[in-house]
Amino acid sequence: MLVTTTNTIDGRRISAYKGLVAGEAILGANLFRDLFASIRDIVGGRSGAYEKVLNDARETAIAEMTDKASALGANAVIGVDIDYETVGQNGSMLMVTAAGTAVVVE
């Protein structure tokens, strides 16, 4: 399945629009991960644990979105937008949403 943030696909003609599709992933942050991220914030550097959580959540949301597009008979999703939000008490959970337009391209 082709997934793109653009509204067109260069060299390909869109023959059918199947509708809006979205995928969501909500992941909880781990207490130990939070502790180590806080330490890393103090001493500097990247937080590999949080980067992995973000990457996993994004991949899950995109996979859910493309599964919904396939169910509609689409072979591509265009105009994809990915949003990140914190939800839950004290922002303890991460929500990633991927949404786009399911289309059939030739």
N, C-alpha and C. Protein backbone atom coordinates (compact mmCIF):
# COMPACT_ATOMS: atom_id res chain seq x y z
N MET A 1 0.86 -1.18 0.00
CA MET A 1 0.00 0.00 0.00
C MET A 1 0.89 1.23 0.00
N LEU A 2 0.60 2.14 -0.89
CA LEU A 2 1.33 3.39 -0.99
C LEU A 2 0.73 4.40 -0.01
N VAL A 3 1.57 5.02 0.79
CA VAL A 3 1.12 6.02 1.78
C VAL A 3 1.95 7.27 1.57
N THR A 4 1.27 8.41 1.40
CA THR A 4 1.99 9.65 1.15
C THR A 4 1.30 10.83 1.82
N THR A 5 2.09 11.83 2.18
CA THR A 5 1.53 13.04 2.76
C THR A 5 1.04 14.01 1.69
N THR A 6 1.39 13.76 0.45
CA THR A 6 0.97 14.64 -0.63
C THR A 6 -0.45 14.29 -1.08
N ASN A 7 -1.09 15.22 -1.78
CA ASN A 7 -2.47 15.00 -2.24
C ASN A 7 -2.54 14.37 -3.62
N THR A 8 -1.41 14.22 -4.26
CA THR A 8 -1.33 13.56 -5.55
C THR A 8 -0.12 12.64 -5.53
N ILE A 9 -0.08 11.73 -6.50
CA ILE A 9 1.07 10.84 -6.63
C ILE A 9 1.62 11.06 -8.03
N ASP A 10 2.81 11.61 -8.09
CA ASP A 10 3.42 11.96 -9.36
C ASP A 10 3.46 10.76 -10.30
N GLY A 11 2.92 10.96 -11.50
CA GLY A 11 2.94 9.91 -12.51
C GLY A 11 1.85 8.87 -12.36
N ARG A 12 1.00 9.00 -11.37
CA ARG A 12 -0.10 8.05 -11.15
C ARG A 12 -1.43 8.80 -11.17
N ARG A 13 -2.42 8.19 -11.78
CA ARG A 13 -3.75 8.80 -11.84
C ARG A 13 -4.64 8.17 -10.78
N ILE A 14 -5.35 9.02 -10.03
CA ILE A 14 -6.31 8.54 -9.03
C ILE A 14 -7.61 8.24 -9.77
N SER A 15 -8.04 6.97 -9.70
CA SER A 15 -9.25 6.58 -10.42
C SER A 15 -10.48 6.51 -9.52
N ALA A 16 -10.28 6.46 -8.20
CA ALA A 16 -11.43 6.41 -7.29
C ALA A 16 -11.02 6.90 -5.91
N TYR A 17 -11.92 7.64 -5.31
CA TYR A 17 -11.76 8.08 -3.92
C TYR A 17 -12.66 7.21 -3.06
N LYS A 18 -12.08 6.57 -2.05
CA LYS A 18 -12.83 5.64 -1.21
C LYS A 18 -13.25 6.23 0.13
N GLY A 19 -12.68 7.36 0.50
CA GLY A 19 -13.10 8.02 1.73
C GLY A 19 -11.97 8.21 2.73
N LEU A 20 -12.32 8.87 3.80
CA LEU A 20 -11.39 9.16 4.88
C LEU A 20 -11.12 7.90 5.70
N VAL A 21 -9.85 7.68 6.01
CA VAL A 21 -9.47 6.57 6.88
C VAL A 21 -8.54 7.11 7.97
N ALA A 22 -8.64 6.50 9.14
CA ALA A 22 -7.80 6.94 10.26
C ALA A 22 -7.39 5.74 11.09
N GLY A 23 -6.27 5.89 11.73
CA GLY A 23 -5.80 4.87 12.67
C GLY A 23 -5.30 5.57 13.91
N GLU A 24 -5.54 4.97 15.05
CA GLU A 24 -5.12 5.56 16.31
C GLU A 24 -4.35 4.54 17.12
N ALA A 25 -3.41 5.05 17.89
CA ALA A 25 -2.68 4.21 18.84
C ALA A 25 -2.51 5.01 20.12
N ILE A 26 -2.87 4.40 21.23
CA ILE A 26 -2.68 5.04 22.53
C ILE A 26 -1.80 4.12 23.36
N LEU A 27 -0.68 4.63 23.77
CA LEU A 27 0.29 3.83 24.51
C LEU A 27 0.59 4.49 25.84
N GLY A 28 0.67 3.70 26.87
CA GLY A 28 1.01 4.20 28.18
C GLY A 28 2.51 4.29 28.34
N ALA A 29 2.96 5.27 29.08
CA ALA A 29 4.38 5.42 29.38
C ALA A 29 4.70 4.60 30.62
N ASN A 30 5.85 4.00 30.63
CA ASN A 30 6.30 3.14 31.71
C ASN A 30 6.98 3.97 32.80
N LEU A 31 6.73 3.64 34.05
CA LEU A 31 7.31 4.38 35.18
C LEU A 31 8.84 4.40 35.11
N PHE A 32 9.47 3.26 34.82
CA PHE A 32 10.93 3.22 34.75
C PHE A 32 11.44 4.04 33.57
N ARG A 33 10.72 3.98 32.46
CA ARG A 33 11.10 4.78 31.30
C ARG A 33 11.04 6.26 31.65
N ASP A 34 9.97 6.66 32.39
CA ASP A 34 9.84 8.05 32.82
C ASP A 34 11.00 8.47 33.70
N LEU A 35 11.39 7.59 34.62
CA LEU A 35 12.49 7.89 35.52
C LEU A 35 13.78 8.09 34.74
N PHE A 36 14.08 7.17 33.83
CA PHE A 36 15.32 7.28 33.06
C PHE A 36 15.28 8.48 32.11
N ALA A 37 14.10 8.79 31.58
CA ALA A 37 13.98 9.97 30.71
C ALA A 37 14.23 11.23 31.51
N SER A 38 13.75 11.28 32.76
CA SER A 38 13.99 12.44 33.61
C SER A 38 15.48 12.62 33.89
N ILE A 39 16.17 11.52 34.15
CA ILE A 39 17.61 11.58 34.38
C ILE A 39 18.31 12.06 33.12
N ARG A 40 17.90 11.55 31.98
CA ARG A 40 18.52 11.95 30.71
C ARG A 40 18.27 13.43 30.44
N ASP A 41 17.08 13.93 30.83
CA ASP A 41 16.79 15.36 30.67
C ASP A 41 17.78 16.20 31.48
N ILE A 42 18.15 15.70 32.64
CA ILE A 42 19.08 16.44 33.51
C ILE A 42 20.49 16.41 32.94
N VAL A 43 20.93 15.24 32.48
CA VAL A 43 22.31 15.11 32.01
C VAL A 43 22.45 15.36 30.52
N GLY A 44 21.35 15.46 29.81
CA GLY A 44 21.39 15.73 28.38
C GLY A 44 21.37 14.44 27.57
N GLY A 45 21.13 14.57 26.29
CA GLY A 45 21.09 13.42 25.41
C GLY A 45 19.68 13.07 24.98
N ARG A 46 19.61 12.08 24.12
CA ARG A 46 18.32 11.64 23.59
C ARG A 46 17.73 10.55 24.47
N SER A 47 16.40 10.49 24.48
CA SER A 47 15.71 9.46 25.25
C SER A 47 15.28 8.35 24.30
N GLY A 48 16.12 7.33 24.19
CA GLY A 48 15.85 6.21 23.29
C GLY A 48 14.56 5.50 23.62
N ALA A 49 14.22 5.40 24.90
CA ALA A 49 12.99 4.70 25.30
C ALA A 49 11.77 5.42 24.75
N TYR A 50 11.73 6.73 24.90
CA TYR A 50 10.58 7.49 24.38
C TYR A 50 10.56 7.50 22.86
N GLU A 51 11.73 7.56 22.23
CA GLU A 51 11.77 7.52 20.77
C GLU A 51 11.19 6.21 20.25
N LYS A 52 11.47 5.10 20.94
CA LYS A 52 10.93 3.81 20.54
C LYS A 52 9.42 3.80 20.71
N VAL A 53 8.91 4.33 21.82
CA VAL A 53 7.46 4.38 22.04
C VAL A 53 6.80 5.22 20.94
N LEU A 54 7.37 6.36 20.60
CA LEU A 54 6.82 7.20 19.54
C LEU A 54 6.80 6.46 18.21
N ASN A 55 7.89 5.80 17.88
CA ASN A 55 7.99 5.08 16.63
C ASN A 55 6.97 3.93 16.58
N ASP A 56 6.86 3.17 17.66
CA ASP A 56 5.89 2.07 17.71
C ASP A 56 4.46 2.58 17.56
N ALA A 57 4.15 3.67 18.23
CA ALA A 57 2.79 4.23 18.15
C ALA A 57 2.49 4.72 16.74
N ARG A 58 3.44 5.39 16.12
CA ARG A 58 3.24 5.88 14.74
C ARG A 58 3.03 4.71 13.78
N GLU A 59 3.85 3.68 13.89
CA GLU A 59 3.72 2.52 13.01
C GLU A 59 2.38 1.81 13.21
N THR A 60 1.93 1.72 14.45
CA THR A 60 0.64 1.10 14.76
C THR A 60 -0.51 1.90 14.14
N ALA A 61 -0.47 3.21 14.30
CA ALA A 61 -1.53 4.07 13.74
C ALA A 61 -1.57 3.98 12.22
N ILE A 62 -0.41 3.99 11.58
CA ILE A 62 -0.36 3.90 10.12
C ILE A 62 -0.85 2.54 9.65
N ALA A 63 -0.46 1.48 10.34
CA ALA A 63 -0.91 0.13 9.97
C ALA A 63 -2.42 0.01 10.09
N GLU A 64 -3.00 0.56 11.15
CA GLU A 64 -4.45 0.53 11.32
C GLU A 64 -5.14 1.31 10.20
N MET A 65 -4.58 2.46 9.85
CA MET A 65 -5.14 3.29 8.78
C MET A 65 -5.10 2.55 7.44
N THR A 66 -3.96 1.93 7.11
CA THR A 66 -3.84 1.23 5.83
C THR A 66 -4.74 -0.02 5.80
N ASP A 67 -4.93 -0.69 6.94
CA ASP A 67 -5.85 -1.83 6.99
C ASP A 67 -7.26 -1.38 6.65
N LYS A 68 -7.67 -0.24 7.17
CA LYS A 68 -9.01 0.29 6.87
C LYS A 68 -9.12 0.67 5.40
N ALA A 69 -8.05 1.23 4.84
CA ALA A 69 -8.06 1.60 3.42
C ALA A 69 -8.18 0.35 2.55
N SER A 70 -7.44 -0.69 2.89
CA SER A 70 -7.52 -1.95 2.14
C SER A 70 -8.93 -2.53 2.19
N ALA A 71 -9.57 -2.46 3.35
CA ALA A 71 -10.93 -2.97 3.50
C ALA A 71 -11.92 -2.23 2.60
N LEU A 72 -11.60 -0.98 2.25
CA LEU A 72 -12.45 -0.20 1.35
C LEU A 72 -12.11 -0.44 -0.12
N GLY A 73 -11.08 -1.24 -0.39
CA GLY A 73 -10.67 -1.51 -1.76
C GLY A 73 -9.64 -0.55 -2.30
N ALA A 74 -9.03 0.25 -1.44
CA ALA A 74 -8.02 1.22 -1.86
C ALA A 74 -6.65 0.55 -1.97
N ASN A 75 -5.78 1.15 -2.78
CA ASN A 75 -4.40 0.67 -2.85
C ASN A 75 -3.40 1.77 -2.49
N ALA A 76 -3.93 2.91 -2.00
CA ALA A 76 -3.07 4.01 -1.57
C ALA A 76 -3.84 4.89 -0.60
N VAL A 77 -3.09 5.61 0.22
CA VAL A 77 -3.67 6.63 1.10
C VAL A 77 -2.89 7.90 0.87
N ILE A 78 -3.60 8.97 0.51
CA ILE A 78 -2.94 10.25 0.22
C ILE A 78 -3.31 11.29 1.28
N GLY A 79 -2.55 12.37 1.30
CA GLY A 79 -2.84 13.47 2.22
C GLY A 79 -2.74 13.06 3.68
N VAL A 80 -1.83 12.16 3.99
CA VAL A 80 -1.74 11.63 5.35
C VAL A 80 -1.20 12.69 6.31
N ASP A 81 -1.86 12.80 7.45
CA ASP A 81 -1.44 13.70 8.52
C ASP A 81 -1.27 12.86 9.78
N ILE A 82 -0.16 13.06 10.47
CA ILE A 82 0.11 12.32 11.71
C ILE A 82 0.16 13.32 12.84
N ASP A 83 -0.65 13.08 13.86
CA ASP A 83 -0.72 13.96 15.02
C ASP A 83 -0.30 13.20 16.28
N TYR A 84 0.38 13.92 17.18
CA TYR A 84 0.80 13.36 18.46
C TYR A 84 0.17 14.19 19.57
N GLU A 85 -0.41 13.51 20.56
CA GLU A 85 -1.02 14.19 21.69
C GLU A 85 -0.74 13.38 22.95
N THR A 86 -0.71 14.06 24.08
CA THR A 86 -0.68 13.35 25.36
C THR A 86 -2.09 13.39 25.92
N VAL A 87 -2.52 12.28 26.49
CA VAL A 87 -3.85 12.16 27.07
C VAL A 87 -3.74 11.45 28.41
N GLY A 88 -4.83 11.41 29.13
CA GLY A 88 -4.84 10.74 30.42
C GLY A 88 -4.44 11.67 31.54
N GLN A 89 -4.50 11.13 32.72
CA GLN A 89 -4.15 11.90 33.90
C GLN A 89 -2.69 12.33 33.84
N ASN A 90 -2.45 13.60 33.96
CA ASN A 90 -1.10 14.18 33.91
C ASN A 90 -0.36 13.85 32.61
N GLY A 91 -1.10 13.65 31.53
CA GLY A 91 -0.46 13.35 30.25
C GLY A 91 0.32 12.06 30.28
N SER A 92 -0.20 11.06 30.96
CA SER A 92 0.53 9.82 31.16
C SER A 92 0.48 8.87 29.97
N MET A 93 -0.31 9.20 28.96
CA MET A 93 -0.42 8.33 27.79
C MET A 93 -0.17 9.14 26.53
N LEU A 94 0.33 8.46 25.53
CA LEU A 94 0.62 9.08 24.24
C LEU A 94 -0.37 8.58 23.22
N MET A 95 -1.00 9.51 22.49
CA MET A 95 -1.91 9.13 21.42
C MET A 95 -1.33 9.62 20.10
N VAL A 96 -1.28 8.71 19.13
CA VAL A 96 -0.84 9.05 17.79
C VAL A 96 -1.98 8.73 16.85
N THR A 97 -2.33 9.68 15.99
CA THR A 97 -3.38 9.51 15.02
C THR A 97 -2.82 9.72 13.62
N ALA A 98 -3.14 8.80 12.72
CA ALA A 98 -2.77 8.95 11.31
C ALA A 98 -4.07 8.96 10.52
N ALA A 99 -4.26 9.96 9.67
CA ALA A 99 -5.49 10.06 8.88
C ALA A 99 -5.16 10.51 7.47
N GLY A 100 -5.92 10.02 6.51
CA GLY A 100 -5.72 10.39 5.12
C GLY A 100 -6.92 9.97 4.30
N THR A 101 -6.78 10.10 2.98
CA THR A 101 -7.84 9.74 2.05
C THR A 101 -7.46 8.45 1.33
N ALA A 102 -8.32 7.44 1.43
CA ALA A 102 -8.10 6.17 0.75
C ALA A 102 -8.49 6.35 -0.72
N VAL A 103 -7.60 5.92 -1.61
CA VAL A 103 -7.83 6.08 -3.04
C VAL A 103 -7.38 4.82 -3.79
N VAL A 104 -7.84 4.72 -5.02
CA VAL A 104 -7.35 3.71 -5.95
C VAL A 104 -6.53 4.44 -7.00
N VAL A 105 -5.27 4.04 -7.15
CA VAL A 105 -4.41 4.64 -8.17
C VAL A 105 -4.09 3.60 -9.23
N GLU A 106 -3.89 4.10 -10.45
CA GLU A 106 -3.54 3.21 -11.57
C GLU A 106 -2.06 3.19 -11.76
